[in-house]
Amino acid sequence: MSSPAATRPPAVQAVARGRRRHASRRRLVILTLAVLAVAAFTVTLMAGKTFYPPGDVVRVILGEQVPGASFTVGRLRLPRAVLAVVSGFSFGLAGVTFQTMLRNPLASPDIIGISSGASAAAAIAIVSLSLGRTQVSILAIVSALAIAMLVYTLAFRDGVAGTRLILIGIGISAMLDSITSYVLSRAAEWDLQEAMRWLTGSLNGTTWEQALPAAVALAVLTPVLLSQARNLSAMQLGDDTAAALGVRVERTRVTVIVAAVGLIAFATAAAGPIAFVAFLSGPIAARIVGAGGSLLVPAGLVGALLVLVADFAGQFAFDARYPVGVVTGVLGAPYLVYLIVRTHRAGGSL
């Protein structure tokens, strides 16, 4: 007796084979990215001015006291590496969420004002209010959420069009950047150094007090976004089509915006607005995985890998040490120009 699959029309069988191949490729990509991220994480713990063998690193992670390694690895390198993974995954996951929902590669928190809102608030908190690190982080989180609500409200008119939201976000981002520049122009030398370190995006001096809130936010909000993966994929077909498929469009949009902005806010509060990680992770993941299927997990892993590698390169690959945001900015700025030029040549709009 023939199986049901054998009785299907050839076209249906071809589609099914294509889906299985794509699912296998996606699993392989996720596994490869995870292995690369673990390898980069391990290297950042082992290598530096002093090299520690893997055995010593494992002993430190397990809580044993290892002369020299307990301080260097346990108190300096480990919180830094954990925050690199957490912030990178958060930026990548949130960035591809916006890009998928709004069907535009420019719809990244770097571009539409969310990161600028956190940066402006942090600059004011450091320079004008002389607040401590915890207060700066809280104000940055609140400001990022407020700016996201403002952009969404201004862009809402019988629904939210991606292009309208992006253009409004770019305008608000420009205003916020001008506020940041004004505040910095009036800053004292010490405050200016502290503000620039935060605004550039840096993992220098990372402590567990910085890393843990961002890690908790990632653990709480990631399942929320993953639960909306199918709805996001349907929304790529357009709001009307998604609604016809049973997706509650506005409820899904509000849910993913709140979750994605929460990830961006906590990651930015901990590490600063690391430039272009949210912008780059989705397109890179799309190129690797191919068309179809959710890019949430691959983009998160790409983001974590980008931050780990960029931070390590900023520390040891050049004559001077550079914050991670400088390295990612060098990578992201040319891609932004390329994307705009390509879109213009293709006759499309932003």
Protein backbone atom coordinates (compact mmCIF):
# COMPACT_ATOMS: atom_id res chain seq x y z
CA MET A 1 0.00 0.00 0.00
CA SER A 2 1.51 3.33 -1.05
CA SER A 3 2.12 6.06 1.51
CA PRO A 4 0.07 9.30 1.41
CA ALA A 5 3.23 11.23 0.43
CA ALA A 6 3.72 9.08 -2.67
CA THR A 7 0.22 9.88 -3.93
CA ARG A 8 0.73 13.64 -3.81
CA PRO A 9 1.11 15.55 -7.08
CA PRO A 10 4.76 16.07 -8.16
CA ALA A 11 4.55 19.84 -7.57
CA VAL A 12 3.42 19.29 -3.97
CA GLN A 13 6.21 16.77 -3.40
CA ALA A 14 8.77 19.24 -4.78
CA VAL A 15 7.54 21.96 -2.42
CA ALA A 16 7.71 19.56 0.53
CA ARG A 17 11.28 18.55 -0.37
CA GLY A 18 12.26 22.21 -0.66
CA ARG A 19 10.83 22.96 2.77
CA ARG A 20 12.68 20.02 4.31
CA ARG A 21 15.96 21.13 2.72
CA HIS A 22 15.48 24.68 3.96
CA ALA A 23 14.63 23.47 7.48
CA SER A 24 17.75 21.28 7.49
CA ARG A 25 19.88 24.19 6.29
CA ARG A 26 18.39 26.47 8.95
CA ARG A 27 19.17 23.96 11.72
CA LEU A 28 22.72 23.57 10.40
CA VAL A 29 23.22 27.35 10.28
CA ILE A 30 21.92 27.79 13.84
CA LEU A 31 24.19 25.00 15.09
CA THR A 32 27.21 26.45 13.27
CA LEU A 33 26.57 29.97 14.57
CA ALA A 34 26.13 28.62 18.11
CA VAL A 35 29.41 26.70 17.89
CA LEU A 36 31.22 29.78 16.56
CA ALA A 37 29.76 31.94 19.34
CA VAL A 38 30.86 29.43 22.00
CA ALA A 39 34.33 29.30 20.44
CA ALA A 40 34.62 33.10 20.40
CA PHE A 41 33.34 33.26 23.99
CA THR A 42 35.98 30.75 25.06
CA VAL A 43 38.78 32.60 23.28
CA THR A 44 37.86 35.88 24.96
CA LEU A 45 38.17 34.17 28.35
CA MET A 46 41.48 32.49 27.56
CA ALA A 47 43.40 35.11 25.56
CA GLY A 48 44.64 38.56 26.48
CA LYS A 49 47.80 40.01 27.93
CA THR A 50 47.96 36.77 29.93
CA PHE A 51 46.92 33.45 28.41
CA TYR A 52 45.08 30.93 30.57
CA PRO A 53 44.58 27.32 29.42
CA PRO A 54 41.06 25.94 29.03
CA GLY A 55 41.38 23.90 32.22
CA ASP A 56 41.97 26.99 34.34
CA VAL A 57 39.07 28.80 32.70
CA VAL A 58 36.69 25.90 33.37
CA ARG A 59 37.84 25.71 37.00
CA VAL A 60 37.19 29.43 37.47
CA ILE A 61 33.70 29.13 35.94
CA LEU A 62 32.97 26.22 38.30
CA GLY A 63 33.90 28.42 41.26
CA GLU A 64 37.37 27.14 42.13
CA GLN A 65 40.10 29.53 43.22
CA VAL A 66 42.91 29.62 40.66
CA PRO A 67 45.80 32.01 41.43
CA GLY A 68 45.72 34.89 38.93
CA ALA A 69 42.95 33.39 36.80
CA SER A 70 40.23 33.87 39.41
CA PHE A 71 40.63 37.64 39.24
CA THR A 72 41.49 38.07 35.56
CA VAL A 73 39.02 35.56 34.17
CA GLY A 74 36.35 35.56 36.88
CA ARG A 75 36.10 39.28 37.61
CA LEU A 76 37.33 40.95 34.42
CA ARG A 77 36.85 38.74 31.38
CA LEU A 78 33.80 36.65 32.27
CA PRO A 79 31.31 39.51 32.95
CA ARG A 80 32.59 41.26 29.83
CA ALA A 81 32.13 38.18 27.66
CA VAL A 82 28.67 37.46 29.10
CA LEU A 83 27.55 41.04 28.42
CA ALA A 84 28.95 40.79 24.88
CA VAL A 85 26.79 37.72 24.23
CA VAL A 86 23.71 39.15 25.94
CA SER A 87 23.88 42.58 24.33
CA GLY A 88 24.76 41.19 20.90
CA PHE A 89 21.93 38.65 20.97
CA SER A 90 19.51 41.32 22.21
CA PHE A 91 20.48 43.82 19.50
CA GLY A 92 20.37 41.16 16.77
CA LEU A 93 17.03 39.75 17.87
CA ALA A 94 15.38 43.15 18.30
CA GLY A 95 16.81 44.50 15.06
CA VAL A 96 15.56 41.66 12.87
CA THR A 97 12.17 41.88 14.62
CA PHE A 98 11.72 45.48 13.45
CA GLN A 99 13.07 44.69 9.97
CA THR A 100 10.71 41.73 9.58
CA MET A 101 7.65 43.48 10.98
CA LEU A 102 8.10 46.61 8.85
CA ARG A 103 9.45 44.76 5.78
CA ASN A 104 12.38 47.15 5.45
CA PRO A 105 16.10 46.54 6.18
CA LEU A 106 16.42 50.15 7.40
CA ALA A 107 13.88 49.58 10.18
CA SER A 108 16.53 49.13 12.86
CA PRO A 109 16.67 50.72 16.33
CA ASP A 110 19.88 52.45 15.21
CA ILE A 111 17.98 54.24 12.46
CA ILE A 112 14.51 54.95 13.87
CA GLY A 113 15.49 56.83 17.03
CA ILE A 114 15.29 54.28 19.85
CA SER A 115 19.04 54.14 20.44
CA SER A 116 19.25 57.93 20.04
CA GLY A 117 16.62 58.36 22.76
CA ALA A 118 18.61 56.26 25.20
CA SER A 119 21.81 58.11 24.24
CA ALA A 120 20.32 61.57 24.72
CA ALA A 121 18.93 60.59 28.12
CA ALA A 122 22.26 59.13 29.19
CA ALA A 123 24.15 62.24 28.08
CA ILE A 124 21.80 64.48 30.08
CA ALA A 125 22.02 62.17 33.10
CA ILE A 126 25.83 62.12 33.07
CA VAL A 127 26.60 65.72 32.12
CA SER A 128 23.71 67.78 33.47
CA LEU A 129 22.44 65.70 36.39
CA SER A 130 25.70 63.98 37.48
CA LEU A 131 23.88 60.72 38.11
CA GLY A 132 25.55 57.41 38.87
CA ARG A 133 25.72 54.41 36.56
CA THR A 134 22.54 52.76 37.90
CA GLN A 135 20.48 55.94 37.54
CA VAL A 136 21.88 56.51 34.04
CA SER A 137 20.85 52.99 33.03
CA ILE A 138 17.32 53.40 34.40
CA LEU A 139 16.85 56.73 32.65
CA ALA A 140 18.14 55.25 29.37
CA ILE A 141 15.67 52.35 29.60
CA VAL A 142 12.71 54.63 30.29
CA SER A 143 13.70 57.03 27.50
CA ALA A 144 14.08 54.25 24.92
CA LEU A 145 10.59 52.97 25.75
CA ALA A 146 9.14 56.50 25.63
CA ILE A 147 10.71 57.28 22.25
CA ALA A 148 9.43 54.00 20.82
CA MET A 149 5.89 54.87 21.98
CA LEU A 150 6.21 58.37 20.52
CA VAL A 151 7.40 57.12 17.12
CA TYR A 152 4.66 54.49 17.01
CA THR A 153 1.97 57.02 17.99
CA LEU A 154 3.07 59.57 15.39
CA ALA A 155 3.27 56.88 12.69
CA PHE A 156 -0.15 55.40 13.47
CA ARG A 157 -2.89 56.28 11.02
CA ASP A 158 -5.29 53.44 10.30
CA GLY A 159 -2.38 51.15 11.05
CA VAL A 160 1.36 51.66 10.88
CA ALA A 161 3.09 51.89 7.50
CA GLY A 162 6.74 50.86 7.62
CA THR A 163 8.02 53.75 5.52
CA ARG A 164 6.10 56.33 7.57
CA LEU A 165 7.45 54.93 10.84
CA ILE A 166 11.03 54.88 9.50
CA LEU A 167 10.89 58.48 8.26
CA ILE A 168 9.38 59.72 11.52
CA GLY A 169 12.00 57.75 13.43
CA ILE A 170 14.81 59.25 11.38
CA GLY A 171 13.49 62.77 12.05
CA ILE A 172 13.20 62.17 15.79
CA SER A 173 16.63 60.56 15.81
CA ALA A 174 18.12 63.68 14.22
CA MET A 175 16.53 65.90 16.86
CA LEU A 176 17.75 63.68 19.68
CA ASP A 177 21.26 63.56 18.23
CA SER A 178 21.31 67.36 18.16
CA ILE A 179 20.30 67.42 21.84
CA THR A 180 23.11 65.01 22.63
CA SER A 181 25.63 67.14 20.74
CA TYR A 182 24.50 70.28 22.57
CA VAL A 183 24.79 68.62 25.97
CA LEU A 184 28.26 67.30 25.16
CA SER A 185 29.41 70.74 23.96
CA ARG A 186 28.75 72.11 27.46
CA ALA A 187 30.25 69.19 29.37
CA ALA A 188 33.26 69.36 31.67
CA GLU A 189 36.28 67.30 30.64
CA TRP A 190 35.65 64.42 33.04
CA ASP A 191 31.93 64.24 32.29
CA LEU A 192 32.68 64.39 28.56
CA GLN A 193 34.98 61.38 28.79
CA GLU A 194 32.42 59.37 30.74
CA ALA A 195 29.58 60.35 28.40
CA MET A 196 31.59 59.54 25.26
CA ARG A 197 32.57 56.15 26.67
CA TRP A 198 28.89 55.36 27.20
CA LEU A 199 27.69 56.83 23.89
CA THR A 200 30.30 54.98 21.83
CA GLY A 201 29.24 51.59 23.13
CA SER A 202 31.84 49.92 25.30
CA LEU A 203 32.29 46.80 27.40
CA ASN A 204 35.25 48.21 29.32
CA GLY A 205 34.95 47.77 33.06
CA THR A 206 31.88 45.54 32.81
CA THR A 207 30.61 44.17 36.12
CA TRP A 208 27.98 41.60 37.01
CA GLU A 209 25.75 44.45 38.18
CA GLN A 210 25.62 45.64 34.56
CA ALA A 211 25.36 42.25 32.88
CA LEU A 212 22.71 40.56 35.01
CA PRO A 213 19.72 42.92 34.36
CA ALA A 214 20.32 42.67 30.61
CA ALA A 215 20.59 38.88 30.89
CA VAL A 216 17.32 38.68 32.83
CA ALA A 217 15.58 40.89 30.24
CA LEU A 218 16.88 38.63 27.46
CA ALA A 219 15.64 35.50 29.26
CA VAL A 220 12.18 37.01 29.80
CA LEU A 221 11.59 38.76 26.46
CA THR A 222 13.12 36.27 24.02
CA PRO A 223 10.29 33.71 24.49
CA VAL A 224 7.78 36.50 23.87
CA LEU A 225 9.32 37.29 20.49
CA LEU A 226 9.79 33.63 19.55
CA SER A 227 6.10 33.00 20.30
CA GLN A 228 5.25 35.64 17.67
CA ALA A 229 7.59 34.26 14.99
CA ARG A 230 4.80 32.84 12.79
CA ASN A 231 2.74 36.00 13.07
CA LEU A 232 5.79 38.08 12.07
CA SER A 233 6.35 35.86 9.04
CA ALA A 234 2.72 36.33 8.01
CA MET A 235 3.01 40.10 8.42
CA GLN A 236 5.79 40.12 5.81
CA LEU A 237 3.01 39.45 3.28
CA GLY A 238 1.26 42.68 4.28
CA ASP A 239 -1.20 43.58 7.01
CA ASP A 240 -4.30 42.68 5.00
CA THR A 241 -2.97 39.26 4.04
CA ALA A 242 -1.83 38.59 7.61
CA ALA A 243 -5.26 39.54 8.94
CA ALA A 244 -6.88 37.22 6.39
CA LEU A 245 -4.65 34.42 7.72
CA GLY A 246 -5.97 35.00 11.22
CA VAL A 247 -3.22 37.22 12.63
CA ARG A 248 -4.31 39.97 15.00
CA VAL A 249 -2.05 42.50 13.38
CA GLU A 250 -2.11 45.42 15.79
CA ARG A 251 -1.91 43.24 18.88
CA THR A 252 1.04 41.37 17.38
CA ARG A 253 2.73 44.63 16.40
CA VAL A 254 2.36 46.14 19.87
CA THR A 255 3.57 42.93 21.54
CA VAL A 256 6.72 42.62 19.45
CA ILE A 257 7.50 46.34 19.63
CA VAL A 258 7.32 46.32 23.44
CA ALA A 259 9.45 43.17 23.68
CA ALA A 260 12.02 44.32 21.11
CA VAL A 261 12.33 47.80 22.60
CA GLY A 262 12.72 46.23 26.04
CA LEU A 263 15.66 44.19 24.75
CA ILE A 264 17.23 47.25 23.13
CA ALA A 265 16.70 49.37 26.23
CA PHE A 266 18.30 46.95 28.69
CA ALA A 267 21.18 46.10 26.34
CA THR A 268 21.84 49.78 25.66
CA ALA A 269 21.68 50.62 29.37
CA ALA A 270 24.31 47.97 30.08
CA ALA A 271 26.71 48.37 27.15
CA GLY A 272 25.76 51.61 25.43
CA PRO A 273 24.34 51.89 21.90
CA ILE A 274 26.76 49.51 20.15
CA ALA A 275 26.51 50.82 16.61
CA PHE A 276 24.94 48.85 13.77
CA VAL A 277 24.73 45.43 15.46
CA ALA A 278 20.92 45.54 15.31
CA PHE A 279 21.17 46.84 11.74
CA LEU A 280 23.62 44.23 10.42
CA SER A 281 22.54 41.02 12.15
CA GLY A 282 19.28 40.47 10.24
CA PRO A 283 20.68 40.91 6.71
CA ILE A 284 23.69 38.72 7.52
CA ALA A 285 21.42 36.01 8.92
CA ALA A 286 19.14 36.26 5.87
CA ARG A 287 22.09 35.76 3.52
CA ILE A 288 23.24 32.69 5.45
CA VAL A 289 19.88 31.04 6.09
CA GLY A 290 18.22 31.89 2.78
CA ALA A 291 14.65 32.86 2.00
CA GLY A 292 11.78 31.69 4.14
CA GLY A 293 11.57 30.80 7.81
CA SER A 294 12.10 32.87 10.92
CA LEU A 295 15.39 34.75 11.28
CA LEU A 296 15.01 35.56 14.97
CA VAL A 297 17.41 33.00 16.44
CA PRO A 298 20.00 33.19 13.62
CA ALA A 299 20.06 37.00 13.83
CA GLY A 300 20.49 36.85 17.60
CA LEU A 301 23.44 34.49 17.24
CA VAL A 302 24.97 36.67 14.52
CA GLY A 303 24.65 39.68 16.83
CA ALA A 304 26.34 37.85 19.71
CA LEU A 305 29.16 36.72 17.42
CA LEU A 306 29.60 40.23 16.00
CA VAL A 307 29.96 41.82 19.43
CA LEU A 308 32.31 39.11 20.74
CA VAL A 309 34.62 39.33 17.73
CA ALA A 310 34.47 43.13 17.47
CA ASP A 311 35.24 43.58 21.16
CA PHE A 312 38.19 41.18 21.02
CA ALA A 313 39.49 42.87 17.85
CA GLY A 314 39.12 46.30 19.45
CA GLN A 315 41.25 45.17 22.38
CA PHE A 316 44.05 43.29 20.64
CA ALA A 317 43.98 43.64 16.83
CA PHE A 318 45.25 47.24 16.61
CA ASP A 319 48.03 49.36 18.03
CA ALA A 320 45.56 51.16 20.30
CA ARG A 321 42.51 49.82 22.13
CA TYR A 322 39.12 50.78 20.73
CA PRO A 323 35.63 50.37 22.23
CA VAL A 324 33.49 47.74 20.59
CA GLY A 325 31.15 50.40 19.16
CA VAL A 326 33.97 51.89 17.11
CA VAL A 327 34.71 48.54 15.45
CA THR A 328 31.07 47.74 14.70
CA GLY A 329 30.59 51.30 13.40
CA VAL A 330 33.41 50.79 10.92
CA LEU A 331 31.66 47.64 9.70
CA GLY A 332 28.12 49.03 9.64
CA ALA A 333 28.51 52.48 8.07
CA PRO A 334 29.67 51.20 4.63
CA TYR A 335 26.83 48.69 4.57
CA LEU A 336 24.29 51.42 5.28
CA VAL A 337 25.61 53.47 2.34
CA TYR A 338 25.58 50.36 0.12
CA LEU A 339 22.00 49.55 1.08
CA ILE A 340 20.76 53.07 0.31
CA VAL A 341 22.59 53.15 -3.05
CA ARG A 342 21.29 49.70 -4.00
CA THR A 343 17.74 50.65 -3.12
CA HIS A 344 17.98 53.86 -5.14
CA ARG A 345 19.39 52.07 -8.20
CA ALA A 346 16.64 49.48 -8.01
CA GLY A 347 14.08 52.25 -8.18
CA GLY A 348 12.69 51.47 -4.74
CA SER A 349 12.03 53.67 -1.76
CA LEU A 350 13.30 53.56 1.76
